[in-house]
Amino acid sequence: MGGSHSKQLLETMLSSGKASIAVILVLLYGYMLRRWRWIRKEGEQNISSIGTTFLLPALLFSEIGPLATPSNLRTYWPILPLSLFFQLISLGVGLVSHRFWVPQHFVPAFVFNNVTSLPLLLINALAQTGSLDSLIMPHDDLPSVLKRANVYILLNALIGNLTRFALGPFLMSTHKDVVFLHPHADDPSTPPDEGAIRLPETTEDDEVEPAKPHGFGEKVAAGAKAAWHWTVTCLNPPLVGGLAGIILGVIPWTQYELFDGDGWLSPIAQSIKSVGALYTALQMLVLGAHLFSKTGSSHTKAPLLILLWLFTYRFIIAPTISIATVYGLRRAFPTLITPDPVLDFILCLSNVGPPALTLSAIANMANLPSEAEGQIAQTLTLSYAVTPLIALSVTAALQVVHLSGVGR
């Protein structure tokens, strides 16, 4: 038994290592392109801006739309509250850490982990090594297990992506001036009014008591205006792309015409999917180039103690919380969650792994200082160097799902 566990751990470690190495190599390509001046500062900024305002919304739209069907949302509903629950705990940890010694721009790194590219790479690698065989139920097969796992991962990514781009810029920003539509609006070469929506800072001169509305109609109008202003300031292109995918996905007609492949509007969805597929590789290239731009200054180096605490939480404490929660729910309420070991396994890992690569885009949207952006880039790069540690969580999750006996 011990030998089989050691072999499974080694295979999982190798699968995790391959997934993280693939990410690190693309970062290295971007680093070298910037070093050789094949990517210049202006090109780096332009690619980052296009990725945040166009490619990433297209990716979220094409990923979320096909899954946002009413039947999916009814069947896989446990993913929603558990994903939000794990993020809420991580938010608490991040805010408490910030209260003591962690800079504010590190808080989203505690909350938002990679919920799309790395889990999909990892689950396919695990399938090839046979590590998912223990999740196969009677009258089931590996292709079915893999298909369900991918659906669960993407549905969890739906929640993660929406919350990340709705809250991430606010959590990361160290001041009140947050850029939503143009991530480089503060650049000297960029016209000051080019597409930027900002939350203005309040000065002493602005602190004039506004006239209070009188009467029910005026109060309703004032409340509606305040709600509209809050909505506009919260919206950003990635969030709009994700919300559009949900809205068009839950409507049967647009779900069929856009996402089923046979509808009249399917070429539009396919073109958006093709555009969105460019985002991940380009974002990693830009992140590598950005890392080169910020090297050499001691102010851009992420403090070692903060990195150790962040990685300890993301790879040890967070999986302990999610695995214990899923196991406890399964033992206390056996029929509450759909009896599927694959679902339990994905839920156990939904809160595990390195910070999301898109935090670099959020850093641009939050209009962070150059030093803080450099620290985020370095943190993301180093987090993928230690990503093979996720093998411990994967092995523990497999064992816990087996012990729970779900689907047997």
Protein backbone atom coordinates (compact mmCIF):
# COMPACT_ATOMS: atom_id res chain seq x y z
CA MET A 1 0.00 0.00 0.00
CA GLY A 2 2.80 2.39 0.93
CA GLY A 3 4.56 1.66 -2.36
CA SER A 4 1.46 2.46 -4.40
CA HIS A 5 0.95 5.73 -2.50
CA SER A 6 4.58 6.72 -3.10
CA LYS A 7 4.25 5.89 -6.81
CA GLN A 8 1.02 7.90 -7.09
CA LEU A 9 2.61 10.86 -5.31
CA LEU A 10 5.63 10.73 -7.63
CA GLU A 11 3.44 10.54 -10.76
CA THR A 12 1.28 13.41 -9.53
CA MET A 13 4.36 15.44 -8.69
CA LEU A 14 5.70 14.86 -12.20
CA SER A 15 2.35 15.84 -13.78
CA SER A 16 2.23 19.02 -11.70
CA GLY A 17 5.83 19.76 -12.54
CA LYS A 18 5.19 19.42 -16.27
CA ALA A 19 2.20 21.77 -16.06
CA SER A 20 4.20 24.40 -14.16
CA ILE A 21 7.26 24.03 -16.40
CA ALA A 22 5.06 24.73 -19.45
CA VAL A 23 3.98 28.00 -17.84
CA ILE A 24 7.49 29.00 -16.77
CA LEU A 25 8.90 28.36 -20.26
CA VAL A 26 6.39 30.76 -21.83
CA LEU A 27 7.32 33.35 -19.20
CA LEU A 28 10.96 32.79 -20.12
CA TYR A 29 10.18 33.37 -23.81
CA GLY A 30 8.63 36.73 -22.95
CA TYR A 31 11.60 37.60 -20.74
CA MET A 32 14.07 36.87 -23.54
CA LEU A 33 11.99 38.69 -26.18
CA ARG A 34 12.05 41.81 -23.99
CA ARG A 35 15.77 41.40 -23.31
CA TRP A 36 16.53 41.11 -27.03
CA ARG A 37 14.27 44.13 -27.69
CA TRP A 38 11.92 42.16 -29.92
CA ILE A 39 9.27 43.41 -27.51
CA ARG A 40 9.73 47.04 -26.51
CA LYS A 41 8.10 48.96 -23.71
CA GLU A 42 5.43 50.42 -25.95
CA GLY A 43 4.63 47.00 -27.42
CA GLU A 44 4.49 45.47 -23.95
CA GLN A 45 1.98 48.09 -22.83
CA ASN A 46 -0.09 47.78 -26.01
CA ILE A 47 -0.30 43.98 -25.80
CA SER A 48 -1.24 44.19 -22.13
CA SER A 49 -3.95 46.76 -22.89
CA ILE A 50 -5.39 44.70 -25.77
CA GLY A 51 -5.34 41.57 -23.61
CA THR A 52 -7.21 43.19 -20.73
CA THR A 53 -9.78 45.11 -22.75
CA PHE A 54 -10.44 42.72 -25.65
CA LEU A 55 -8.83 39.26 -25.54
CA LEU A 56 -9.67 38.41 -21.92
CA PRO A 57 -13.37 39.42 -22.19
CA ALA A 58 -13.55 37.25 -25.33
CA LEU A 59 -12.00 34.31 -23.46
CA LEU A 60 -14.41 34.61 -20.53
CA PHE A 61 -17.39 34.96 -22.88
CA SER A 62 -16.44 31.83 -24.87
CA GLU A 63 -15.71 29.77 -21.73
CA ILE A 64 -18.71 30.79 -19.67
CA GLY A 65 -21.44 31.00 -22.33
CA PRO A 66 -21.63 27.29 -23.31
CA LEU A 67 -21.73 26.23 -19.64
CA ALA A 68 -24.24 28.80 -18.36
CA THR A 69 -27.30 26.72 -19.20
CA PRO A 70 -30.19 26.49 -16.73
CA SER A 71 -29.73 22.71 -16.43
CA ASN A 72 -26.02 23.07 -15.63
CA LEU A 73 -26.69 25.72 -13.03
CA ARG A 74 -29.32 23.51 -11.39
CA THR A 75 -27.25 20.31 -11.45
CA TYR A 76 -23.94 21.76 -10.38
CA TRP A 77 -25.21 24.32 -7.90
CA PRO A 78 -22.88 23.20 -5.01
CA ILE A 79 -19.93 24.64 -6.92
CA LEU A 80 -21.31 28.18 -6.52
CA PRO A 81 -21.63 28.42 -2.71
CA LEU A 82 -18.50 26.36 -1.98
CA SER A 83 -16.39 28.41 -4.38
CA LEU A 84 -17.63 31.64 -2.80
CA PHE A 85 -17.11 30.17 0.69
CA PHE A 86 -13.47 29.29 -0.02
CA GLN A 87 -12.85 32.71 -1.55
CA LEU A 88 -14.42 34.39 1.49
CA ILE A 89 -12.08 32.51 3.84
CA SER A 90 -9.10 33.43 1.66
CA LEU A 91 -10.24 37.04 1.62
CA GLY A 92 -10.31 37.02 5.41
CA VAL A 93 -6.79 35.59 5.54
CA GLY A 94 -5.55 38.17 3.05
CA LEU A 95 -7.13 41.11 4.87
CA VAL A 96 -5.84 39.95 8.26
CA SER A 97 -2.37 39.50 6.76
CA HIS A 98 -2.60 43.02 5.31
CA ARG A 99 -3.58 44.32 8.72
CA PHE A 100 -0.24 43.18 10.13
CA TRP A 101 2.50 43.25 7.48
CA VAL A 102 1.41 42.24 3.96
CA PRO A 103 1.07 45.09 1.39
CA GLN A 104 -2.43 45.60 0.03
CA HIS A 105 -1.54 44.66 -3.54
CA PHE A 106 -0.75 41.13 -2.34
CA VAL A 107 -4.26 40.54 -0.94
CA PRO A 108 -5.80 39.23 -4.23
CA ALA A 109 -2.96 36.69 -4.48
CA PHE A 110 -4.37 35.05 -1.34
CA VAL A 111 -7.93 35.10 -2.68
CA PHE A 112 -7.74 34.22 -6.38
CA ASN A 113 -5.88 31.11 -7.51
CA ASN A 114 -5.46 29.74 -11.03
CA VAL A 115 -8.85 28.12 -11.67
CA THR A 116 -8.67 27.52 -15.42
CA SER A 117 -5.44 26.77 -17.31
CA LEU A 118 -3.50 24.93 -14.61
CA PRO A 119 -6.38 22.68 -13.41
CA LEU A 120 -7.22 21.74 -17.01
CA LEU A 121 -3.59 20.91 -17.76
CA LEU A 122 -3.28 18.98 -14.51
CA ILE A 123 -6.46 16.92 -14.87
CA ASN A 124 -5.47 15.79 -18.36
CA ALA A 125 -1.98 14.88 -17.17
CA LEU A 126 -3.45 12.90 -14.26
CA ALA A 127 -5.73 11.03 -16.66
CA GLN A 128 -2.74 9.99 -18.77
CA THR A 129 -0.86 8.63 -15.74
CA GLY A 130 -3.86 6.66 -14.44
CA SER A 131 -4.18 8.73 -11.27
CA LEU A 132 -7.89 9.29 -11.91
CA ASP A 133 -8.75 5.59 -12.11
CA SER A 134 -9.91 5.59 -8.49
CA LEU A 135 -12.63 8.11 -9.41
CA ILE A 136 -14.26 5.85 -12.00
CA MET A 137 -17.62 4.58 -10.75
CA PRO A 138 -19.29 1.34 -11.84
CA HIS A 139 -20.69 1.63 -15.40
CA ASP A 140 -18.38 4.62 -15.92
CA ASP A 141 -15.23 5.12 -18.00
CA LEU A 142 -12.23 7.44 -18.08
CA PRO A 143 -13.44 9.67 -20.97
CA SER A 144 -16.67 10.35 -19.06
CA VAL A 145 -14.72 11.12 -15.90
CA LEU A 146 -12.44 13.49 -17.79
CA LYS A 147 -15.37 15.24 -19.50
CA ARG A 148 -17.20 15.80 -16.19
CA ALA A 149 -14.00 17.00 -14.53
CA ASN A 150 -13.47 19.60 -17.26
CA VAL A 151 -17.06 20.83 -16.88
CA TYR A 152 -16.67 21.13 -13.09
CA ILE A 153 -13.38 23.00 -13.48
CA LEU A 154 -14.84 25.47 -15.96
CA LEU A 155 -17.92 26.09 -13.83
CA ASN A 156 -15.69 26.81 -10.85
CA ALA A 157 -13.65 29.07 -13.14
CA LEU A 158 -16.86 30.91 -14.02
CA ILE A 159 -17.29 31.93 -10.38
CA GLY A 160 -13.61 32.65 -9.89
CA ASN A 161 -13.30 34.84 -12.97
CA LEU A 162 -16.40 36.89 -12.18
CA THR A 163 -15.40 37.60 -8.57
CA ARG A 164 -11.77 38.22 -9.56
CA PHE A 165 -12.58 40.99 -12.01
CA ALA A 166 -15.43 42.42 -9.97
CA LEU A 167 -13.40 42.76 -6.75
CA GLY A 168 -9.77 42.35 -7.75
CA PRO A 169 -9.05 45.96 -8.83
CA PHE A 170 -10.54 47.30 -5.59
CA LEU A 171 -8.69 44.79 -3.39
CA MET A 172 -5.36 45.41 -5.10
CA SER A 173 -5.50 49.18 -5.44
CA THR A 174 -3.49 51.10 -2.88
CA HIS A 175 -5.41 54.34 -3.53
CA LYS A 176 -8.81 55.45 -4.73
CA ASP A 177 -7.85 56.22 -8.33
CA VAL A 178 -8.73 52.95 -10.09
CA VAL A 179 -8.55 52.58 -13.87
CA PHE A 180 -11.21 50.33 -15.39
CA LEU A 181 -11.10 50.64 -19.15
CA HIS A 182 -7.56 51.67 -20.05
CA PRO A 183 -4.84 50.01 -17.98
CA HIS A 184 -2.16 52.50 -19.03
CA ALA A 185 -4.10 55.74 -18.87
CA ASP A 186 -1.48 57.13 -16.48
CA ASP A 187 1.30 56.67 -19.03
CA PRO A 188 2.78 59.99 -20.24
CA SER A 189 2.32 58.95 -23.86
CA THR A 190 -1.39 58.28 -23.37
CA PRO A 191 -3.95 61.09 -23.64
CA PRO A 192 -5.45 61.64 -20.17
CA ASP A 193 -9.05 61.14 -21.26
CA GLU A 194 -8.58 58.12 -23.53
CA GLY A 195 -11.18 55.65 -22.40
CA ALA A 196 -10.57 55.76 -18.68
CA ILE A 197 -13.31 55.58 -16.08
CA ARG A 198 -12.03 56.50 -12.67
CA LEU A 199 -13.17 56.71 -9.11
CA PRO A 200 -12.07 60.25 -8.28
CA GLU A 201 -10.22 60.93 -5.07
CA THR A 202 -11.90 63.24 -2.61
CA THR A 203 -10.01 66.38 -1.64
CA GLU A 204 -10.69 68.94 1.02
CA ASP A 205 -12.00 71.34 -1.62
CA ASP A 206 -14.54 68.74 -2.75
CA GLU A 207 -15.93 68.14 0.72
CA VAL A 208 -18.99 70.31 0.20
CA GLU A 209 -22.18 69.05 1.71
CA PRO A 210 -24.52 68.24 -1.19
CA ALA A 211 -28.11 69.29 -1.04
CA LYS A 212 -30.21 66.50 0.42
CA PRO A 213 -33.10 65.35 -1.77
CA HIS A 214 -36.59 66.16 -0.57
CA GLY A 215 -39.60 64.07 -1.34
CA PHE A 216 -39.99 60.44 -2.32
CA GLY A 217 -39.39 61.00 -6.05
CA GLU A 218 -36.15 62.90 -5.50
CA LYS A 219 -34.88 60.25 -3.09
CA VAL A 220 -35.64 57.47 -5.57
CA ALA A 221 -33.88 59.41 -8.33
CA ALA A 222 -30.86 60.05 -6.12
CA GLY A 223 -30.71 56.40 -5.11
CA ALA A 224 -30.96 55.26 -8.72
CA LYS A 225 -28.20 57.68 -9.73
CA ALA A 226 -25.93 56.44 -6.95
CA ALA A 227 -26.64 52.81 -7.89
CA TRP A 228 -25.89 53.53 -11.55
CA HIS A 229 -22.63 55.28 -10.67
CA TRP A 230 -21.58 52.34 -8.48
CA THR A 231 -22.45 49.86 -11.25
CA VAL A 232 -20.47 51.78 -13.86
CA THR A 233 -17.41 52.05 -11.64
CA CYS A 234 -17.56 48.32 -10.83
CA LEU A 235 -17.87 47.19 -14.44
CA ASN A 236 -14.72 46.44 -16.39
CA PRO A 237 -14.25 44.69 -19.76
CA PRO A 238 -13.51 41.17 -18.38
CA LEU A 239 -16.50 41.34 -16.05
CA VAL A 240 -18.72 42.53 -18.91
CA GLY A 241 -17.53 39.61 -21.06
CA GLY A 242 -18.31 37.09 -18.32
CA LEU A 243 -21.74 38.57 -17.57
CA ALA A 244 -22.59 38.61 -21.28
CA GLY A 245 -21.71 34.90 -21.46
CA ILE A 246 -24.04 34.13 -18.54
CA ILE A 247 -26.94 36.19 -19.87
CA LEU A 248 -26.75 34.77 -23.40
CA GLY A 249 -26.10 31.27 -22.06
CA VAL A 250 -29.21 31.03 -19.88
CA ILE A 251 -31.49 32.17 -22.72
CA PRO A 252 -32.34 28.99 -24.70
CA TRP A 253 -32.50 30.71 -28.09
CA THR A 254 -29.12 32.46 -27.82
CA GLN A 255 -27.58 29.37 -26.20
CA TYR A 256 -28.49 27.33 -29.27
CA GLU A 257 -27.79 29.97 -31.91
CA LEU A 258 -24.46 31.05 -30.43
CA PHE A 259 -22.88 28.13 -28.62
CA ASP A 260 -24.31 24.85 -29.95
CA GLY A 261 -22.42 25.03 -33.23
CA ASP A 262 -25.42 24.68 -35.57
CA GLY A 263 -27.04 28.09 -35.08
CA TRP A 264 -26.92 31.06 -37.41
CA LEU A 265 -24.90 33.04 -34.86
CA SER A 266 -22.33 30.31 -34.20
CA PRO A 267 -19.69 31.95 -36.47
CA ILE A 268 -19.76 34.95 -34.13
CA ALA A 269 -19.18 32.75 -31.07
CA GLN A 270 -16.45 30.84 -32.90
CA SER A 271 -14.65 34.06 -33.86
CA ILE A 272 -14.83 35.29 -30.27
CA LYS A 273 -13.47 31.93 -29.08
CA SER A 274 -10.56 32.17 -31.54
CA VAL A 275 -9.74 35.65 -30.30
CA GLY A 276 -10.00 34.62 -26.64
CA ALA A 277 -7.67 31.67 -27.21
CA LEU A 278 -4.87 34.18 -27.86
CA TYR A 279 -5.06 35.64 -24.36
CA THR A 280 -3.29 33.09 -22.17
CA ALA A 281 -0.07 32.79 -24.21
CA LEU A 282 0.14 36.54 -24.90
CA GLN A 283 -0.48 37.38 -21.24
CA MET A 284 2.30 35.04 -20.12
CA LEU A 285 4.66 36.52 -22.74
CA VAL A 286 3.88 40.03 -21.49
CA LEU A 287 4.29 38.91 -17.90
CA GLY A 288 7.76 37.57 -18.73
CA ALA A 289 8.64 40.81 -20.54
CA HIS A 290 7.31 42.82 -17.61
CA LEU A 291 9.45 40.76 -15.25
CA PHE A 292 12.56 41.74 -17.26
CA SER A 293 11.54 45.40 -17.17
CA LYS A 294 11.31 45.36 -13.39
CA THR A 295 14.46 43.38 -12.52
CA GLY A 296 17.47 45.09 -11.04
CA SER A 297 15.67 47.21 -8.46
CA SER A 298 15.49 46.06 -4.85
CA HIS A 299 12.12 47.81 -4.51
CA THR A 300 10.53 45.45 -7.04
CA LYS A 301 11.60 42.28 -5.23
CA ALA A 302 8.78 40.64 -3.30
CA PRO A 303 9.76 40.21 0.38
CA LEU A 304 10.79 36.64 1.17
CA LEU A 305 8.64 36.31 4.30
CA ILE A 306 5.53 37.43 2.41
CA LEU A 307 6.20 34.89 -0.34
CA LEU A 308 6.71 32.10 2.19
CA TRP A 309 3.43 32.95 3.91
CA LEU A 310 1.56 33.27 0.62
CA PHE A 311 2.84 29.94 -0.73
CA THR A 312 2.21 28.23 2.61
CA TYR A 313 -1.39 29.35 2.49
CA ARG A 314 -2.00 28.61 -1.19
CA PHE A 315 -0.39 25.14 -1.20
CA ILE A 316 -0.92 23.86 2.38
CA ILE A 317 -3.54 25.74 4.39
CA ALA A 318 -6.04 26.39 1.55
CA PRO A 319 -6.17 22.72 0.42
CA THR A 320 -6.54 21.60 4.02
CA ILE A 321 -9.59 23.86 4.38
CA SER A 322 -11.23 22.78 1.10
CA ILE A 323 -10.56 19.05 1.52
CA ALA A 324 -11.80 19.06 5.12
CA THR A 325 -14.92 21.03 4.14
CA VAL A 326 -15.87 18.70 1.27
CA TYR A 327 -15.21 15.57 3.36
CA GLY A 328 -17.22 16.95 6.29
CA LEU A 329 -20.17 17.86 4.08
CA ARG A 330 -20.13 14.44 2.41
CA ARG A 331 -20.09 12.62 5.77
CA ALA A 332 -22.70 14.84 7.44
CA PHE A 333 -25.05 15.27 4.46
CA PRO A 334 -24.42 12.35 2.04
CA THR A 335 -27.19 13.30 -0.39
CA LEU A 336 -26.80 17.09 -0.31
CA ILE A 337 -24.20 17.12 -3.12
CA THR A 338 -24.54 15.07 -6.31
CA PRO A 339 -22.93 11.67 -5.52
CA ASP A 340 -20.02 11.94 -7.92
CA PRO A 341 -16.43 11.35 -6.77
CA VAL A 342 -15.19 13.54 -9.63
CA LEU A 343 -17.21 16.46 -8.29
CA ASP A 344 -15.82 15.92 -4.79
CA PHE A 345 -12.28 15.78 -6.17
CA ILE A 346 -12.62 19.02 -8.15
CA LEU A 347 -14.24 20.79 -5.19
CA CYS A 348 -11.34 19.69 -2.97
CA LEU A 349 -8.89 21.27 -5.41
CA SER A 350 -10.96 24.35 -6.30
CA ASN A 351 -9.14 26.47 -3.70
CA VAL A 352 -5.64 25.11 -4.36
CA GLY A 353 -2.73 26.28 -6.47
CA PRO A 354 -0.72 29.35 -7.40
CA PRO A 355 -2.22 32.83 -7.77
CA ALA A 356 -4.01 33.46 -11.05
CA LEU A 357 -1.91 34.75 -13.94
CA THR A 358 -4.61 37.34 -14.65
CA LEU A 359 -3.58 39.17 -11.47
CA SER A 360 -1.00 40.88 -13.67
CA ALA A 361 -3.88 42.27 -15.76
CA ILE A 362 -5.69 43.32 -12.60
CA ALA A 363 -2.52 45.10 -11.46
CA ASN A 364 -2.74 47.18 -14.64
CA MET A 365 -6.43 47.84 -14.12
CA ALA A 366 -5.77 48.91 -10.51
CA ASN A 367 -3.22 51.47 -11.72
CA LEU A 368 -0.53 50.21 -9.32
CA PRO A 369 2.85 51.88 -8.99
CA SER A 370 5.63 50.39 -11.09
CA GLU A 371 7.31 48.78 -8.09
CA ALA A 372 4.12 47.01 -7.01
CA GLU A 373 3.52 45.71 -10.55
CA GLY A 374 7.04 44.31 -10.55
CA GLN A 375 6.42 42.53 -7.25
CA ILE A 376 3.24 40.97 -8.61
CA ALA A 377 5.07 39.76 -11.74
CA GLN A 378 7.86 38.25 -9.66
CA THR A 379 5.40 36.60 -7.27
CA LEU A 380 3.47 34.98 -10.13
CA THR A 381 6.67 33.65 -11.68
CA LEU A 382 7.99 32.19 -8.43
CA SER A 383 4.59 30.69 -7.60
CA TYR A 384 4.77 28.50 -10.69
CA ALA A 385 8.28 27.39 -9.71
CA VAL A 386 6.80 25.83 -6.55
CA THR A 387 3.61 24.59 -8.22
CA PRO A 388 4.73 20.89 -8.05
CA LEU A 389 3.80 21.17 -4.35
CA ILE A 390 0.20 20.84 -5.53
CA ALA A 391 0.91 17.10 -5.87
CA LEU A 392 0.53 16.76 -2.09
CA SER A 393 -2.96 18.25 -2.25
CA VAL A 394 -3.94 16.14 -5.25
CA THR A 395 -2.86 12.92 -3.52
CA ALA A 396 -4.63 13.89 -0.30
CA ALA A 397 -7.82 14.76 -2.20
CA LEU A 398 -7.80 11.40 -4.01
CA GLN A 399 -7.40 9.57 -0.71
CA VAL A 400 -10.14 11.53 1.03
CA VAL A 401 -12.59 10.99 -1.85
CA HIS A 402 -11.81 7.27 -1.72
CA LEU A 403 -12.39 7.19 2.06
CA SER A 404 -15.73 8.97 1.74
CA GLY A 405 -16.96 6.09 -0.46
CA VAL A 406 -19.09 8.37 -2.65
CA GLY A 407 -20.48 6.68 -5.74
CA ARG A 408 -19.55 3.21 -4.55
